[in-house]
Protein backbone atom coordinates (compact mmCIF):
# COMPACT_ATOMS: atom_id res chain seq x y z
CA UNK A 1 -108.40 214.12 -47.59
CA UNK A 2 -105.06 215.75 -48.35
CA UNK A 3 -106.71 219.23 -48.55
CA UNK A 4 -108.51 218.66 -45.25
CA UNK A 5 -105.17 217.88 -43.60
CA UNK A 6 -103.61 221.12 -44.98
CA UNK A 7 -106.68 223.10 -43.92
CA UNK A 8 -106.37 221.70 -40.40
CA UNK A 9 -102.66 222.65 -40.30
CA UNK A 10 -103.50 226.13 -41.55
CA UNK A 11 -106.16 226.58 -38.85
CA UNK A 12 -103.73 225.42 -36.16
CA UNK A 13 -100.98 227.78 -37.37
CA UNK A 14 -103.37 230.74 -37.59
CA UNK A 15 -104.72 229.98 -34.11
CA UNK A 16 -101.20 229.82 -32.69
CA UNK A 17 -100.30 233.13 -34.34
CA UNK A 18 -103.53 234.77 -33.11
CA UNK A 19 -103.08 233.63 -29.50
CA UNK A 20 -99.31 234.26 -29.66
CA UNK A 21 -99.99 237.90 -30.48
CA UNK A 22 -102.21 238.14 -27.38
CA UNK A 23 -99.59 236.43 -25.25
CA UNK A 24 -96.85 238.86 -26.35
CA UNK A 25 -99.07 241.98 -26.44
CA UNK A 26 -100.19 242.57 -22.83
CA UNK A 27 -101.70 245.99 -23.58
CA UNK A 28 -102.47 248.50 -26.31
CA UNK A 29 -101.80 252.23 -25.92
CA UNK A 30 -102.61 255.22 -28.07
CA UNK A 31 -102.80 259.00 -27.80
CA UNK A 32 -105.10 261.46 -29.55
CA UNK A 33 -104.71 265.25 -29.70
CA UNK A 34 -107.00 268.02 -30.91
CA UNK A 35 -106.78 271.82 -30.75
CA UNK A 36 -109.82 273.83 -29.68
CA UNK A 37 -110.39 277.57 -30.18
CA UNK A 38 -111.63 278.16 -26.62
CA UNK A 39 -109.95 278.48 -23.23
CA UNK A 40 -109.24 275.35 -21.18
CA UNK A 41 -111.76 276.24 -18.46
CA UNK A 42 -114.67 276.47 -20.92
CA UNK A 43 -113.47 273.41 -22.85
CA UNK A 44 -113.38 271.42 -19.60
CA UNK A 45 -116.86 272.53 -18.55
CA UNK A 46 -118.39 271.59 -21.93
CA UNK A 47 -116.59 268.22 -21.86
CA UNK A 48 -117.68 267.36 -18.32
CA UNK A 49 -121.30 268.56 -18.66
CA UNK A 50 -123.26 265.28 -18.39
CA UNK A 51 -125.94 266.57 -20.77
CA UNK A 52 -123.24 266.91 -23.46
CA UNK A 53 -121.78 263.41 -23.17
CA UNK A 54 -124.13 261.79 -25.75
CA UNK A 55 -123.29 264.62 -28.16
CA UNK A 56 -119.61 263.74 -28.38
CA UNK A 57 -119.13 260.15 -27.15
CA UNK A 58 -120.40 257.64 -29.71
CA UNK A 59 -122.95 255.27 -28.20
CA UNK A 60 -123.11 256.98 -24.78
CA UNK A 61 -126.49 256.41 -23.13
CA UNK A 62 -126.26 257.30 -19.46
CA UNK A 63 -124.23 257.14 -16.28
CA UNK A 64 -125.28 256.12 -12.78
CA UNK A 65 -123.28 257.04 -9.69
CA UNK A 66 -122.45 253.95 -7.60
CA UNK A 67 -120.40 255.59 -4.84
CA UNK A 68 -118.57 258.78 -3.98
CA UNK A 69 -119.18 262.34 -5.14
CA UNK A 70 -119.53 262.93 -8.91
CA UNK A 71 -116.41 264.25 -10.65
CA UNK A 72 -114.13 263.67 -7.68
CA UNK A 73 -111.29 261.20 -7.15
CA UNK A 74 -112.67 257.87 -6.00
CA UNK A 75 -116.14 258.33 -7.51
CA UNK A 76 -117.43 255.13 -9.08
CA UNK A 77 -120.13 255.12 -11.75
CA UNK A 78 -121.70 252.65 -14.13
CA UNK A 79 -121.48 253.95 -17.68
CA UNK A 80 -123.96 252.57 -20.21
CA UNK A 81 -123.16 252.62 -23.93
CA UNK A 82 -124.84 251.26 -27.04
CA UNK A 83 -122.52 248.67 -28.56
CA UNK A 84 -124.00 247.79 -31.98
CA UNK A 85 -127.54 247.71 -30.62
CA UNK A 86 -126.65 245.99 -27.35
CA UNK A 87 -126.37 247.87 -24.08
CA UNK A 88 -122.97 247.47 -22.48
CA UNK A 89 -122.04 248.62 -18.98
CA UNK A 90 -118.60 249.68 -17.76
CA UNK A 91 -117.54 250.60 -14.26
CA UNK A 92 -115.74 253.94 -14.22
CA UNK A 93 -113.53 255.00 -11.31
CA UNK A 94 -112.02 258.48 -11.27
CA UNK A 95 -108.36 258.11 -10.31
CA UNK A 96 -107.05 261.69 -10.68
CA UNK A 97 -108.56 265.15 -11.08
CA UNK A 98 -107.17 268.64 -11.41
CA UNK A 99 -109.96 271.01 -12.42
CA UNK A 100 -109.61 272.40 -15.95
CA UNK A 101 -106.34 270.49 -16.47
CA UNK A 102 -106.50 266.73 -15.99
CA UNK A 103 -108.92 263.89 -15.41
CA UNK A 104 -107.89 260.23 -15.23
CA UNK A 105 -110.14 257.23 -14.83
CA UNK A 106 -110.24 253.49 -15.18
CA UNK A 107 -112.98 251.62 -17.00
CA UNK A 108 -113.52 248.00 -15.99
CA UNK A 109 -115.57 245.45 -17.89
CA UNK A 110 -115.50 241.69 -18.40
CA UNK A 111 -113.52 241.81 -21.65
CA UNK A 112 -110.95 244.49 -20.85
CA UNK A 113 -109.76 247.24 -18.51
CA UNK A 114 -108.84 250.69 -19.74
CA UNK A 115 -106.85 253.50 -18.14
CA UNK A 116 -107.95 256.76 -19.75
CA UNK A 117 -106.68 260.28 -19.19
CA UNK A 118 -107.68 263.66 -20.63
CA UNK A 119 -105.32 266.63 -20.43
CA UNK A 120 -106.23 270.25 -21.19
CA UNK A 121 -103.28 272.51 -22.01
CA UNK A 122 -104.02 276.15 -22.80
CA UNK A 123 -101.79 278.33 -24.91
CA UNK A 124 -102.71 281.64 -26.47
CA UNK A 125 -106.46 281.29 -25.98
CA UNK A 126 -106.49 277.83 -27.56
CA UNK A 127 -106.61 274.51 -25.80
CA UNK A 128 -104.87 271.29 -26.69
CA UNK A 129 -106.97 268.36 -25.56
CA UNK A 130 -104.94 265.19 -25.24
CA UNK A 131 -106.46 261.80 -24.54
CA UNK A 132 -104.27 258.87 -23.56
CA UNK A 133 -105.59 255.32 -23.47
CA UNK A 134 -103.99 252.12 -22.21
CA UNK A 135 -106.11 249.01 -22.68
CA UNK A 136 -105.49 245.56 -21.25
CA UNK A 137 -107.45 242.50 -22.29
CA UNK A 138 -108.63 240.26 -19.47
CA UNK A 139 -107.77 237.03 -21.29
CA UNK A 140 -105.34 235.89 -23.99
CA UNK A 141 -108.22 235.94 -26.49
CA UNK A 142 -109.16 239.51 -25.48
CA UNK A 143 -105.52 240.64 -25.68
CA UNK A 144 -105.22 239.14 -29.17
CA UNK A 145 -108.44 240.72 -30.34
CA UNK A 146 -107.51 244.13 -28.88
CA UNK A 147 -104.18 244.12 -30.70
CA UNK A 148 -106.11 243.85 -33.98
CA UNK A 149 -108.72 246.45 -32.91
CA UNK A 150 -106.33 249.15 -31.68
CA UNK A 151 -106.39 251.22 -34.87
CA UNK A 152 -110.19 251.24 -34.98
CA UNK A 153 -110.31 252.23 -31.30
CA UNK A 154 -107.89 255.10 -31.95
CA UNK A 155 -109.98 256.15 -34.96
CA UNK A 156 -113.13 256.17 -32.80
CA UNK A 157 -111.40 258.36 -30.23
CA UNK A 158 -110.40 260.73 -33.06
CA UNK A 159 -114.09 260.96 -34.03
CA UNK A 160 -115.14 261.53 -30.40
CA UNK A 161 -112.59 264.33 -29.97
CA UNK A 162 -113.64 265.93 -33.26
CA UNK A 163 -117.25 265.89 -32.00
CA UNK A 164 -116.07 267.41 -28.70
CA UNK A 165 -114.16 270.14 -30.53
CA UNK A 166 -117.26 271.10 -32.55
CA UNK A 167 -119.39 271.08 -29.40
CA UNK A 168 -116.92 273.28 -27.51
CA UNK A 169 -116.45 275.76 -30.34
CA UNK A 170 -120.23 276.12 -30.84
CA UNK A 171 -120.90 276.43 -27.10
CA UNK A 172 -123.17 279.31 -26.13
CA UNK A 173 -123.84 278.27 -22.52
CA UNK A 174 -122.25 280.49 -19.87
CA UNK A 175 -120.56 278.11 -17.43
CA UNK A 176 -119.15 281.03 -15.43
CA UNK A 177 -122.00 283.48 -14.73
CA UNK A 178 -121.01 286.51 -12.69
CA UNK A 179 -122.54 286.67 -9.24
């Protein structure tokens, strides 16, 4: 009986710590950077080519336009991804766009909301691709869980950007044919 009492106290303390972390951690932010041996304009076109999305974003299945014009500020799409064998849908809203330089969007789902931005900075024929993510859980439980998952989410973005780099550097498609 004595051990059961200590176990109960331990569970209570761990629960308080877990939910306390979520209470004091309203959001998680991280940045990823990769250098690509191609100009920003080509890097952008490869990145934004819908047929390429499954090649560099892990689990990407498809996207469906809900409203607006694709790839313009205000466009809303449902994005479907494979999440460990289960299809998950996120609502994506494009919040900023400067062709070949910057794209910002928000992803909304039941569990969390994410502000995501990609920047393309060219220097000397190379492009620095910078992704910035700010994630907010939609409950104390989600906030707590996200604070523990942030390193794995950053690692996954590193993998996605590495895949994008390889895709861009192997690109043979002419996105700018002369007229």
